[in-house]
Amino acid sequence: MRAAGRSTVVLLLGVLVLALGLAACGGVREESAVAPSAGGGASSVSTNDSADGARESAGAAPPQAAQIADWDRRIVRTAELTLTVQNVEQAIAAVRDIATAQGGQILTSSTSYNGDYQSAMLTIEVPSDRFDPTMSALRGLPLVERVDHETTSSQDVTEEYVDLQARLRNAEATEQRLLSLQGQATRLEDILALEREIARVRGEIEQMKGRLNYLERRTSFSRIDLQLLPVGAGAGRAAHEFDFVRVVREAWDASMRFAGQVATVGLTVVVFLWWLWPLVAAGAVYYARRARRRGATPGATEV
């Protein structure tokens, strides 16, 4: 029993000594970690160390996209839609009303004509949460005869967005650190080196802000490329006219276009060679007089 008690006491003493040793090691490490900050009153600044630290802090961007909740994801949604409508002009007005009602707008609009038929191309921008209702409203227009083509696409840019945010925070912290070092620098070469580094970091900050603004806009608003085609654009004319009439009309139009092109070329040549025409006129007068003299010279005498 006494031997067992002594063993227990020895074991407890060993554990206590080991714990004290570990605590002492931890205290030494904490002191060594705090020591550099306590002696930071030097007047000179190491530019290379600051620049290297700036690059490391600006470039470090831990991946955080996996921590983003589903409701906070950044999705770029786009669509292409082709509709055959009864009246293109009325359909354009209806599409504009739909975009306005959904809180969006028409970014671009172009109209083309092929004979008596009109078609239109529009780019619509609506809030992302109104993308599906807008598509349904466009397909359900009373003027729509049929949906010829429809494609939708989604691009998840959450990881890029979060990464840019982290890099931007690091870059802004780096800029503040460099500005603080610049105020402490005394040597000219250190000041110039810090100014170059600050300019570089600020350039990266502006680029990241621009990209973030672009992603913010594209994920907050969705775009729809809409094409409007008239009913019977390919066969409506042939149903009311003979092929002979159509061919004659097209041939006449082509001949008139050709005649106009020939007249344009002729007038261009006449105007461009204005300096040549006086020489041509002088030569013509000279040869006419010479021919007249030859005709007036008697070749034989009459008896």
C-alpha atoms as a PDB file:
ATOM      1  CA  MET A   1       0.000   0.000   0.000  1.00  0.00           C
ATOM      2  CA  ARG A   2       2.842   2.367   0.943  1.00  0.00           C
ATOM      3  CA  ALA A   3       4.601   1.563  -2.374  1.00  0.00           C
ATOM      4  CA  ALA A   4       1.435   2.278  -4.333  1.00  0.00           C
ATOM      5  CA  GLY A   5       0.960   5.610  -2.539  1.00  0.00           C
ATOM      6  CA  ARG A   6       4.522   6.611  -3.213  1.00  0.00           C
ATOM      7  CA  SER A   7       4.098   5.762  -6.929  1.00  0.00           C
ATOM      8  CA  THR A   8       0.996   7.898  -7.126  1.00  0.00           C
ATOM      9  CA  VAL A   9       2.741  10.850  -5.510  1.00  0.00           C
ATOM     10  CA  VAL A  10       5.711  10.546  -7.852  1.00  0.00           C
ATOM     11  CA  LEU A  11       3.398  10.403 -10.872  1.00  0.00           C
ATOM     12  CA  LEU A  12       1.503  13.514  -9.761  1.00  0.00           C
ATOM     13  CA  LEU A  13       4.755  15.393  -9.174  1.00  0.00           C
ATOM     14  CA  GLY A  14       5.936  14.457 -12.667  1.00  0.00           C
ATOM     15  CA  VAL A  15       2.741  15.702 -14.261  1.00  0.00           C
ATOM     16  CA  LEU A  16       2.989  18.962 -12.303  1.00  0.00           C
ATOM     17  CA  VAL A  17       6.591  19.539 -13.377  1.00  0.00           C
ATOM     18  CA  LEU A  18       5.693  18.850 -17.009  1.00  0.00           C
ATOM     19  CA  ALA A  19       2.782  21.326 -16.860  1.00  0.00           C
ATOM     20  CA  LEU A  20       5.003  24.021 -15.364  1.00  0.00           C
ATOM     21  CA  GLY A  21       7.582  23.443 -18.074  1.00  0.00           C
ATOM     22  CA  LEU A  22       5.012  23.818 -20.836  1.00  0.00           C
ATOM     23  CA  ALA A  23       3.669  27.006 -19.262  1.00  0.00           C
ATOM     24  CA  ALA A  24       7.176  28.443 -19.084  1.00  0.00           C
ATOM     25  CA  CYS A  25       7.775  27.650 -22.758  1.00  0.00           C
ATOM     26  CA  GLY A  26       4.547  29.374 -23.678  1.00  0.00           C
ATOM     27  CA  GLY A  27       5.528  32.471 -21.732  1.00  0.00           C
ATOM     28  CA  VAL A  28       8.870  32.632 -23.514  1.00  0.00           C
ATOM     29  CA  ARG A  29       7.169  32.399 -26.888  1.00  0.00           C
ATOM     30  CA  GLU A  30       4.724  35.171 -25.999  1.00  0.00           C
ATOM     31  CA  GLU A  31       7.565  37.412 -24.859  1.00  0.00           C
ATOM     32  CA  SER A  32       9.522  36.778 -28.042  1.00  0.00           C
ATOM     33  CA  ALA A  33       6.439  37.589 -30.119  1.00  0.00           C
ATOM     34  CA  VAL A  34       5.808  40.867 -28.280  1.00  0.00           C
ATOM     35  CA  ALA A  35       9.448  41.991 -28.197  1.00  0.00           C
ATOM     36  CA  PRO A  36       9.681  43.363 -31.774  1.00  0.00           C
ATOM     37  CA  SER A  37       6.687  45.658 -31.258  1.00  0.00           C
ATOM     38  CA  ALA A  38       8.176  47.029 -28.059  1.00  0.00           C
ATOM     39  CA  GLY A  39      11.340  48.117 -29.807  1.00  0.00           C
ATOM     40  CA  GLY A  40       9.740  49.777 -32.813  1.00  0.00           C
ATOM     41  CA  GLY A  41      11.000  53.314 -32.169  1.00  0.00           C
ATOM     42  CA  ALA A  42      13.732  53.335 -34.863  1.00  0.00           C
ATOM     43  CA  SER A  43      13.735  56.310 -37.266  1.00  0.00           C
ATOM     44  CA  SER A  44      14.848  54.518 -40.453  1.00  0.00           C
ATOM     45  CA  VAL A  45      12.425  52.457 -42.584  1.00  0.00           C
ATOM     46  CA  SER A  46      13.306  49.272 -44.483  1.00  0.00           C
ATOM     47  CA  THR A  47      11.658  49.756 -47.894  1.00  0.00           C
ATOM     48  CA  ASN A  48      12.259  46.232 -49.152  1.00  0.00           C
ATOM     49  CA  ASP A  49      10.642  44.636 -46.100  1.00  0.00           C
ATOM     50  CA  SER A  50       7.642  46.959 -46.324  1.00  0.00           C
ATOM     51  CA  ALA A  51       7.214  46.347 -50.032  1.00  0.00           C
ATOM     52  CA  ASP A  52       7.422  42.577 -49.554  1.00  0.00           C
ATOM     53  CA  GLY A  53       4.921  42.735 -46.729  1.00  0.00           C
ATOM     54  CA  ALA A  54       2.627  44.873 -48.859  1.00  0.00           C
ATOM     55  CA  ARG A  55       2.715  42.393 -51.695  1.00  0.00           C
ATOM     56  CA  GLU A  56       2.004  39.483 -49.353  1.00  0.00           C
ATOM     57  CA  SER A  57      -0.928  41.238 -47.679  1.00  0.00           C
ATOM     58  CA  ALA A  58      -2.341  42.494 -50.986  1.00  0.00           C
ATOM     59  CA  GLY A  59      -2.087  39.128 -52.676  1.00  0.00           C
ATOM     60  CA  ALA A  60      -3.437  37.007 -49.835  1.00  0.00           C
ATOM     61  CA  ALA A  61      -7.129  36.335 -50.377  1.00  0.00           C
ATOM     62  CA  PRO A  62      -8.510  33.296 -48.558  1.00  0.00           C
ATOM     63  CA  PRO A  63     -11.247  31.462 -50.417  1.00  0.00           C
ATOM     64  CA  GLN A  64     -14.532  32.389 -48.753  1.00  0.00           C
ATOM     65  CA  ALA A  65     -17.036  31.498 -51.444  1.00  0.00           C
ATOM     66  CA  ALA A  66     -17.890  28.257 -49.655  1.00  0.00           C
ATOM     67  CA  GLN A  67     -19.102  30.256 -46.640  1.00  0.00           C
ATOM     68  CA  ILE A  68     -21.669  32.242 -48.675  1.00  0.00           C
ATOM     69  CA  ALA A  69     -25.276  31.264 -48.129  1.00  0.00           C
ATOM     70  CA  ASP A  70     -27.432  30.321 -51.089  1.00  0.00           C
ATOM     71  CA  TRP A  71     -29.524  33.484 -50.742  1.00  0.00           C
ATOM     72  CA  ASP A  72     -26.402  35.648 -51.066  1.00  0.00           C
ATOM     73  CA  ARG A  73     -24.995  34.077 -54.217  1.00  0.00           C
ATOM     74  CA  ARG A  74     -24.097  36.270 -57.199  1.00  0.00           C
ATOM     75  CA  ILE A  75     -25.665  34.968 -60.420  1.00  0.00           C
ATOM     76  CA  VAL A  76     -25.476  36.598 -63.863  1.00  0.00           C
ATOM     77  CA  ARG A  77     -28.587  35.631 -65.858  1.00  0.00           C
ATOM     78  CA  THR A  78     -29.072  36.310 -69.572  1.00  0.00           C
ATOM     79  CA  ALA A  79     -31.566  35.209 -72.221  1.00  0.00           C
ATOM     80  CA  GLU A  80     -32.118  35.256 -75.977  1.00  0.00           C
ATOM     81  CA  LEU A  81     -35.705  35.298 -77.225  1.00  0.00           C
ATOM     82  CA  THR A  82     -37.103  35.411 -80.772  1.00  0.00           C
ATOM     83  CA  LEU A  83     -40.822  36.092 -81.229  1.00  0.00           C
ATOM     84  CA  THR A  84     -43.008  36.239 -84.330  1.00  0.00           C
ATOM     85  CA  VAL A  85     -45.561  39.006 -83.795  1.00  0.00           C
ATOM     86  CA  GLN A  86     -48.537  40.392 -85.674  1.00  0.00           C
ATOM     87  CA  ASN A  87     -47.278  43.978 -85.649  1.00  0.00           C
ATOM     88  CA  VAL A  88     -43.674  44.899 -84.864  1.00  0.00           C
ATOM     89  CA  GLU A  89     -44.313  48.548 -83.984  1.00  0.00           C
ATOM     90  CA  GLN A  90     -47.066  47.670 -81.521  1.00  0.00           C
ATOM     91  CA  ALA A  91     -44.930  44.873 -80.086  1.00  0.00           C
ATOM     92  CA  ILE A  92     -42.041  47.294 -79.454  1.00  0.00           C
ATOM     93  CA  ALA A  93     -44.372  49.584 -77.508  1.00  0.00           C
ATOM     94  CA  ALA A  94     -45.721  46.625 -75.519  1.00  0.00           C
ATOM     95  CA  VAL A  95     -42.190  45.415 -74.714  1.00  0.00           C
ATOM     96  CA  ARG A  96     -41.252  48.892 -73.493  1.00  0.00           C
ATOM     97  CA  ASP A  97     -44.288  48.889 -71.198  1.00  0.00           C
ATOM     98  CA  ILE A  98     -43.328  45.470 -69.821  1.00  0.00           C
ATOM     99  CA  ALA A  99     -39.747  46.559 -69.113  1.00  0.00           C
ATOM    100  CA  THR A 100     -40.950  49.682 -67.314  1.00  0.00           C
ATOM    101  CA  ALA A 101     -43.530  47.761 -65.284  1.00  0.00           C
ATOM    102  CA  GLN A 102     -40.853  45.293 -64.146  1.00  0.00           C
ATOM    103  CA  GLY A 103     -38.549  48.091 -63.014  1.00  0.00           C
ATOM    104  CA  GLY A 104     -36.199  47.817 -65.986  1.00  0.00           C
ATOM    105  CA  GLN A 105     -35.454  49.587 -69.231  1.00  0.00           C
ATOM    106  CA  ILE A 106     -34.566  49.054 -72.894  1.00  0.00           C
ATOM    107  CA  LEU A 107     -30.813  49.499 -73.310  1.00  0.00           C
ATOM    108  CA  THR A 108     -30.622  49.276 -77.119  1.00  0.00           C
ATOM    109  CA  SER A 109     -33.186  49.141 -79.910  1.00  0.00           C
ATOM    110  CA  SER A 110     -32.743  48.808 -83.672  1.00  0.00           C
ATOM    111  CA  THR A 111     -35.260  48.388 -86.493  1.00  0.00           C
ATOM    112  CA  SER A 112     -34.616  47.029 -89.988  1.00  0.00           C
ATOM    113  CA  TYR A 113     -36.772  46.815 -93.099  1.00  0.00           C
ATOM    114  CA  ASN A 114     -36.884  44.191 -95.826  1.00  0.00           C
ATOM    115  CA  GLY A 115     -39.323  45.400 -98.416  1.00  0.00           C
ATOM    116  CA  ASP A 116     -42.661  45.861 -96.689  1.00  0.00           C
ATOM    117  CA  TYR A 117     -41.597  43.856 -93.645  1.00  0.00           C
ATOM    118  CA  GLN A 118     -40.145  45.265 -90.440  1.00  0.00           C
ATOM    119  CA  SER A 119     -38.120  43.503 -87.748  1.00  0.00           C
ATOM    120  CA  ALA A 120     -36.569  44.738 -84.521  1.00  0.00           C
ATOM    121  CA  MET A 121     -33.760  43.870 -82.092  1.00  0.00           C
ATOM    122  CA  LEU A 122     -33.980  45.017 -78.465  1.00  0.00           C
ATOM    123  CA  THR A 123     -31.819  44.545 -75.376  1.00  0.00           C
ATOM    124  CA  ILE A 124     -33.834  44.685 -72.159  1.00  0.00           C
ATOM    125  CA  GLU A 125     -32.399  45.096 -68.656  1.00  0.00           C
ATOM    126  CA  VAL A 126     -34.562  44.200 -65.647  1.00  0.00           C
ATOM    127  CA  PRO A 127     -33.839  43.501 -61.957  1.00  0.00           C
ATOM    128  CA  SER A 128     -32.626  39.954 -61.449  1.00  0.00           C
ATOM    129  CA  ASP A 129     -35.578  39.027 -59.255  1.00  0.00           C
ATOM    130  CA  ARG A 130     -37.915  40.087 -62.093  1.00  0.00           C
ATOM    131  CA  PHE A 131     -36.182  38.031 -64.777  1.00  0.00           C
ATOM    132  CA  ASP A 132     -38.632  35.107 -64.836  1.00  0.00           C
ATOM    133  CA  PRO A 133     -41.783  37.294 -64.677  1.00  0.00           C
ATOM    134  CA  THR A 134     -40.425  39.403 -67.532  1.00  0.00           C
ATOM    135  CA  MET A 135     -39.788  36.352 -69.699  1.00  0.00           C
ATOM    136  CA  SER A 136     -43.305  35.087 -69.008  1.00  0.00           C
ATOM    137  CA  ALA A 137     -44.794  38.489 -69.849  1.00  0.00           C
ATOM    138  CA  LEU A 138     -42.898  38.648 -73.155  1.00  0.00           C
ATOM    139  CA  ARG A 139     -44.003  35.176 -74.192  1.00  0.00           C
ATOM    140  CA  GLY A 140     -47.582  35.977 -73.195  1.00  0.00           C
ATOM    141  CA  LEU A 141     -47.980  39.144 -75.257  1.00  0.00           C
ATOM    142  CA  PRO A 142     -51.306  39.097 -77.186  1.00  0.00           C
ATOM    143  CA  LEU A 143     -49.429  40.086 -80.354  1.00  0.00           C
ATOM    144  CA  VAL A 144     -47.178  37.012 -80.230  1.00  0.00           C
ATOM    145  CA  GLU A 145     -47.980  34.362 -82.835  1.00  0.00           C
ATOM    146  CA  ARG A 146     -45.237  31.941 -81.791  1.00  0.00           C
ATOM    147  CA  VAL A 147     -41.928  31.635 -79.944  1.00  0.00           C
ATOM    148  CA  ASP A 148     -39.258  30.837 -82.527  1.00  0.00           C
ATOM    149  CA  HIS A 149     -36.208  30.638 -80.263  1.00  0.00           C
ATOM    150  CA  GLU A 150     -35.442  30.851 -76.548  1.00  0.00           C
ATOM    151  CA  THR A 151     -32.238  30.266 -74.578  1.00  0.00           C
ATOM    152  CA  THR A 152     -31.341  31.217 -71.006  1.00  0.00           C
ATOM    153  CA  SER A 153     -27.983  31.022 -69.255  1.00  0.00           C
ATOM    154  CA  SER A 154     -26.746  31.523 -65.701  1.00  0.00           C
ATOM    155  CA  GLN A 155     -23.189  32.211 -64.537  1.00  0.00           C
ATOM    156  CA  ASP A 156     -22.232  31.957 -60.870  1.00  0.00           C
ATOM    157  CA  VAL A 157     -19.670  34.678 -60.065  1.00  0.00           C
ATOM    158  CA  THR A 158     -19.929  34.388 -56.268  1.00  0.00           C
ATOM    159  CA  GLU A 159     -16.404  33.077 -55.810  1.00  0.00           C
ATOM    160  CA  GLU A 160     -14.890  35.855 -57.916  1.00  0.00           C
ATOM    161  CA  TYR A 161     -16.985  38.480 -56.128  1.00  0.00           C
ATOM    162  CA  VAL A 162     -16.007  37.315 -52.631  1.00  0.00           C
ATOM    163  CA  ASP A 163     -12.364  36.918 -53.631  1.00  0.00           C
ATOM    164  CA  LEU A 164     -12.307  40.468 -54.997  1.00  0.00           C
ATOM    165  CA  GLN A 165     -13.837  41.796 -51.783  1.00  0.00           C
ATOM    166  CA  ALA A 166     -11.155  40.085 -49.679  1.00  0.00           C
ATOM    167  CA  ARG A 167      -8.353  41.264 -51.943  1.00  0.00           C
ATOM    168  CA  LEU A 168      -9.748  44.796 -51.870  1.00  0.00           C
ATOM    169  CA  ARG A 169      -9.775  44.851 -48.065  1.00  0.00           C
ATOM    170  CA  ASN A 170      -6.191  43.592 -47.956  1.00  0.00           C
ATOM    171  CA  ALA A 171      -5.075  46.109 -50.566  1.00  0.00           C
ATOM    172  CA  GLU A 172      -6.691  48.993 -48.687  1.00  0.00           C
ATOM    173  CA  ALA A 173      -5.005  47.860 -45.454  1.00  0.00           C
ATOM    174  CA  THR A 174      -1.705  47.663 -47.323  1.00  0.00           C
ATOM    175  CA  GLU A 175      -2.204  51.192 -48.629  1.00  0.00           C
ATOM    176  CA  GLN A 176      -2.707  52.498 -45.086  1.00  0.00           C
ATOM    177  CA  ARG A 177       0.399  50.650 -43.913  1.00  0.00           C
ATOM    178  CA  LEU A 178       2.474  52.106 -46.738  1.00  0.00           C
ATOM    179  CA  LEU A 179       1.184  55.606 -46.014  1.00  0.00           C
ATOM    180  CA  SER A 180       2.206  55.171 -42.377  1.00  0.00           C
ATOM    181  CA  LEU A 181       5.675  54.015 -43.417  1.00  0.00           C
ATOM    182  CA  GLN A 182       5.955  56.914 -45.820  1.00  0.00           C
ATOM    183  CA  GLY A 183       5.457  59.330 -42.943  1.00  0.00           C
ATOM    184  CA  GLN A 184       8.343  57.689 -41.063  1.00  0.00           C
ATOM    185  CA  ALA A 185      10.782  57.489 -43.989  1.00  0.00           C
ATOM    186  CA  THR A 186      13.717  59.916 -43.974  1.00  0.00           C
ATOM    187  CA  ARG A 187      15.874  58.809 -46.902  1.00  0.00           C
ATOM    188  CA  LEU A 188      14.969  59.959 -50.402  1.00  0.00           C
ATOM    189  CA  GLU A 189      15.294  56.508 -51.964  1.00  0.00           C
ATOM    190  CA  ASP A 190      12.940  55.079 -49.336  1.00  0.00           C
ATOM    191  CA  ILE A 191      10.383  57.806 -49.983  1.00  0.00           C
ATOM    192  CA  LEU A 192      10.510  57.264 -53.759  1.00  0.00           C
ATOM    193  CA  ALA A 193      10.245  53.489 -53.407  1.00  0.00           C
ATOM    194  CA  LEU A 194       7.246  53.839 -51.103  1.00  0.00           C
ATOM    195  CA  GLU A 195       5.562  56.244 -53.511  1.00  0.00           C
ATOM    196  CA  ARG A 196       5.961  53.727 -56.340  1.00  0.00           C
ATOM    197  CA  GLU A 197       4.547  50.961 -54.173  1.00  0.00           C
ATOM    198  CA  ILE A 198       1.621  53.130 -53.077  1.00  0.00           C
ATOM    199  CA  ALA A 199       0.842  53.995 -56.709  1.00  0.00           C
ATOM    200  CA  ARG A 200       0.913  50.306 -57.647  1.00  0.00           C
ATOM    201  CA  VAL A 201      -1.403  49.325 -54.791  1.00  0.00           C
ATOM    202  CA  ARG A 202      -3.809  52.150 -55.602  1.00  0.00           C
ATOM    203  CA  GLY A 203      -3.926  51.009 -59.221  1.00  0.00           C
ATOM    204  CA  GLU A 204      -4.874  47.504 -58.082  1.00  0.00           C
ATOM    205  CA  ILE A 205      -7.520  48.973 -55.781  1.00  0.00           C
ATOM    206  CA  GLU A 206      -9.115  50.918 -58.639  1.00  0.00           C
ATOM    207  CA  GLN A 207      -9.138  47.832 -60.874  1.00  0.00           C
ATOM    208  CA  MET A 208     -10.757  45.705 -58.193  1.00  0.00           C
ATOM    209  CA  LYS A 209     -13.364  48.369 -57.455  1.00  0.00           C
ATOM    210  CA  GLY A 210     -14.219  48.626 -61.141  1.00  0.00           C
ATOM    211  CA  ARG A 211     -14.612  44.868 -61.468  1.00  0.00           C
ATOM    212  CA  LEU A 212     -16.736  44.729 -58.318  1.00  0.00           C
ATOM    213  CA  ASN A 213     -19.007  47.475 -59.626  1.00  0.00           C
ATOM    214  CA  TYR A 214     -19.389  45.598 -62.922  1.00  0.00           C
ATOM    215  CA  LEU A 215     -20.259  42.330 -61.172  1.00  0.00           C
ATOM    216  CA  GLU A 216     -22.635  44.181 -58.865  1.00  0.00           C
ATOM    217  CA  ARG A 217     -24.467  45.635 -61.864  1.00  0.00           C
ATOM    218  CA  ARG A 218     -24.579  42.389 -63.852  1.00  0.00           C
ATOM    219  CA  THR A 219     -25.829  40.355 -60.898  1.00  0.00           C
ATOM    220  CA  SER A 220     -28.369  42.960 -59.809  1.00  0.00           C
ATOM    221  CA  PHE A 221     -29.827  43.276 -63.324  1.00  0.00           C
ATOM    222  CA  SER A 222     -30.429  40.617 -65.987  1.00  0.00           C
ATOM    223  CA  ARG A 223     -30.348  41.179 -69.731  1.00  0.00           C
ATOM    224  CA  ILE A 224     -32.664  39.809 -72.400  1.00  0.00           C
ATOM    225  CA  ASP A 225     -31.807  40.022 -76.106  1.00  0.00           C
ATOM    226  CA  LEU A 226     -35.174  40.105 -77.891  1.00  0.00           C
ATOM    227  CA  GLN A 227     -35.796  39.764 -81.639  1.00  0.00           C
ATOM    228  CA  LEU A 228     -39.208  40.605 -83.095  1.00  0.00           C
ATOM    229  CA  LEU A 229     -40.155  39.195 -86.508  1.00  0.00           C
ATOM    230  CA  PRO A 230     -43.320  39.908 -88.506  1.00  0.00           C
ATOM    231  CA  VAL A 231     -45.787  37.221 -89.516  1.00  0.00           C
ATOM    232  CA  GLY A 232     -45.167  35.811 -93.024  1.00  0.00           C
ATOM    233  CA  ALA A 233     -41.955  37.722 -93.668  1.00  0.00           C
ATOM    234  CA  GLY A 234     -40.706  35.022 -96.010  1.00  0.00           C
ATOM    235  CA  ALA A 235     -43.825  33.978 -97.875  1.00  0.00           C
ATOM    236  CA  GLY A 236     -46.431  36.749 -97.490  1.00  0.00           C
ATOM    237  CA  ARG A 237     -45.521  38.532-100.713  1.00  0.00           C
ATOM    238  CA  ALA A 238     -45.529  35.387-102.859  1.00  0.00           C
ATOM    239  CA  ALA A 239     -49.030  34.564-101.678  1.00  0.00           C
ATOM    240  CA  HIS A 240     -50.461  37.763-103.229  1.00  0.00           C
ATOM    241  CA  GLU A 241     -48.333  38.243-106.372  1.00  0.00           C
ATOM    242  CA  PHE A 242     -47.284  36.141-109.330  1.00  0.00           C
ATOM    243  CA  ASP A 243     -43.647  35.142-109.456  1.00  0.00           C
ATOM    244  CA  PHE A 244     -43.341  36.912-112.831  1.00  0.00           C
ATOM    245  CA  VAL A 245     -44.316  40.258-111.328  1.00  0.00           C
ATOM    246  CA  ARG A 246     -41.875  39.808-108.466  1.00  0.00           C
ATOM    247  CA  VAL A 247     -39.012  38.908-110.804  1.00  0.00           C
ATOM    248  CA  VAL A 248     -39.740  41.871-113.106  1.00  0.00           C
ATOM    249  CA  ARG A 249     -39.876  44.258-110.168  1.00  0.00           C
ATOM    250  CA  GLU A 250     -36.610  42.977-108.713  1.00  0.00           C
ATOM    251  CA  ALA A 251     -34.928  43.125-112.142  1.00  0.00           C
ATOM    252  CA  TRP A 252     -36.131  46.699-112.655  1.00  0.00           C
ATOM    253  CA  ASP A 253     -34.857  47.722-109.228  1.00  0.00           C
ATOM    254  CA  ALA A 254     -31.507  46.082-109.950  1.00  0.00           C
ATOM    255  CA  SER A 255     -31.209  47.826-113.335  1.00  0.00           C
ATOM    256  CA  MET A 256     -31.979  51.203-111.774  1.00  0.00           C
ATOM    257  CA  ARG A 257     -29.377  50.627-109.112  1.00  0.00           C
ATOM    258  CA  PHE A 258     -26.831  49.676-111.794  1.00  0.00           C
ATOM    259  CA  ALA A 259     -27.676  52.775-113.861  1.00  0.00           C
ATOM    260  CA  GLY A 260     -27.252  54.928-110.787  1.00  0.00           C
ATOM    261  CA  GLN A 261     -23.866  53.372-110.079  1.00  0.00           C
ATOM    262  CA  VAL A 262     -22.732  53.943-113.696  1.00  0.00           C
ATOM    263  CA  ALA A 263     -23.863  57.573-113.547  1.00  0.00           C
ATOM    264  CA  THR A 264     -22.029  58.027-110.270  1.00  0.00           C
ATOM    265  CA  VAL A 265     -18.813  56.607-111.731  1.00  0.00           C
ATOM    266  CA  GLY A 266     -19.141  58.772-114.849  1.00  0.00           C
ATOM    267  CA  LEU A 267     -19.666  61.976-112.906  1.00  0.00           C
ATOM    268  CA  THR A 268     -16.794  61.085-110.617  1.00  0.00           C
ATOM    269  CA  VAL A 269     -14.441  60.619-113.579  1.00  0.00           C
ATOM    270  CA  VAL A 270     -15.562  63.891-115.197  1.00  0.00           C
ATOM    271  CA  VAL A 271     -15.067  65.911-112.039  1.00  0.00           C
ATOM    272  CA  PHE A 272     -11.843  64.180-111.021  1.00  0.00           C
ATOM    273  CA  LEU A 273     -10.207  64.735-114.450  1.00  0.00           C
ATOM    274  CA  TRP A 274     -11.252  68.401-114.788  1.00  0.00           C
ATOM    275  CA  TRP A 275      -7.663  69.420-115.530  1.00  0.00           C
ATOM    276  CA  LEU A 276      -7.524  67.037-118.510  1.00  0.00           C
ATOM    277  CA  TRP A 277     -10.516  68.398-120.404  1.00  0.00           C
ATOM    278  CA  PRO A 278      -8.868  71.708-121.503  1.00  0.00           C
ATOM    279  CA  LEU A 279      -6.006  69.716-122.986  1.00  0.00           C
ATOM    280  CA  VAL A 280      -8.413  67.425-124.810  1.00  0.00           C
ATOM    281  CA  ALA A 281     -10.335  70.438-126.164  1.00  0.00           C
ATOM    282  CA  ALA A 282      -7.119  72.135-127.336  1.00  0.00           C
ATOM    283  CA  GLY A 283      -5.992  68.951-129.070  1.00  0.00           C
ATOM    284  CA  ALA A 284      -9.350  68.572-130.800  1.00  0.00           C
ATOM    285  CA  VAL A 285      -9.210  72.166-132.091  1.00  0.00           C
ATOM    286  CA  TYR A 286      -5.654  71.665-133.331  1.00  0.00           C
ATOM    287  CA  TYR A 287      -6.463  68.498-135.283  1.00  0.00           C
ATOM    288  CA  ALA A 288      -9.635  70.059-136.704  1.00  0.00           C
ATOM    289  CA  ARG A 289      -7.720  73.058-138.082  1.00  0.00           C
ATOM    290  CA  ARG A 290      -5.016  70.836-139.475  1.00  0.00           C
ATOM    291  CA  ALA A 291      -7.553  68.695-141.269  1.00  0.00           C
ATOM    292  CA  ARG A 292      -9.224  71.832-142.651  1.00  0.00           C
ATOM    293  CA  ARG A 293      -5.909  73.112-144.079  1.00  0.00           C
ATOM    294  CA  ARG A 294      -5.250  69.823-145.769  1.00  0.00           C
ATOM    295  CA  GLY A 295      -8.670  69.962-147.389  1.00  0.00           C
ATOM    296  CA  ALA A 296      -8.116  73.526-148.622  1.00  0.00           C
ATOM    297  CA  THR A 297      -4.730  72.748-150.291  1.00  0.00           C
ATOM    298  CA  PRO A 298      -5.356  72.102-154.059  1.00  0.00           C
ATOM    299  CA  GLY A 299      -4.143  68.711-155.071  1.00  0.00           C
ATOM    300  CA  ALA A 300      -4.510  69.439-158.879  1.00  0.00           C
ATOM    301  CA  THR A 301      -5.277  72.388-161.233  1.00  0.00           C
ATOM    302  CA  GLU A 302      -8.270  72.356-163.488  1.00  0.00           C
ATOM    303  CA  VAL A 303      -7.800  73.150-167.263  1.00  0.00           C
END
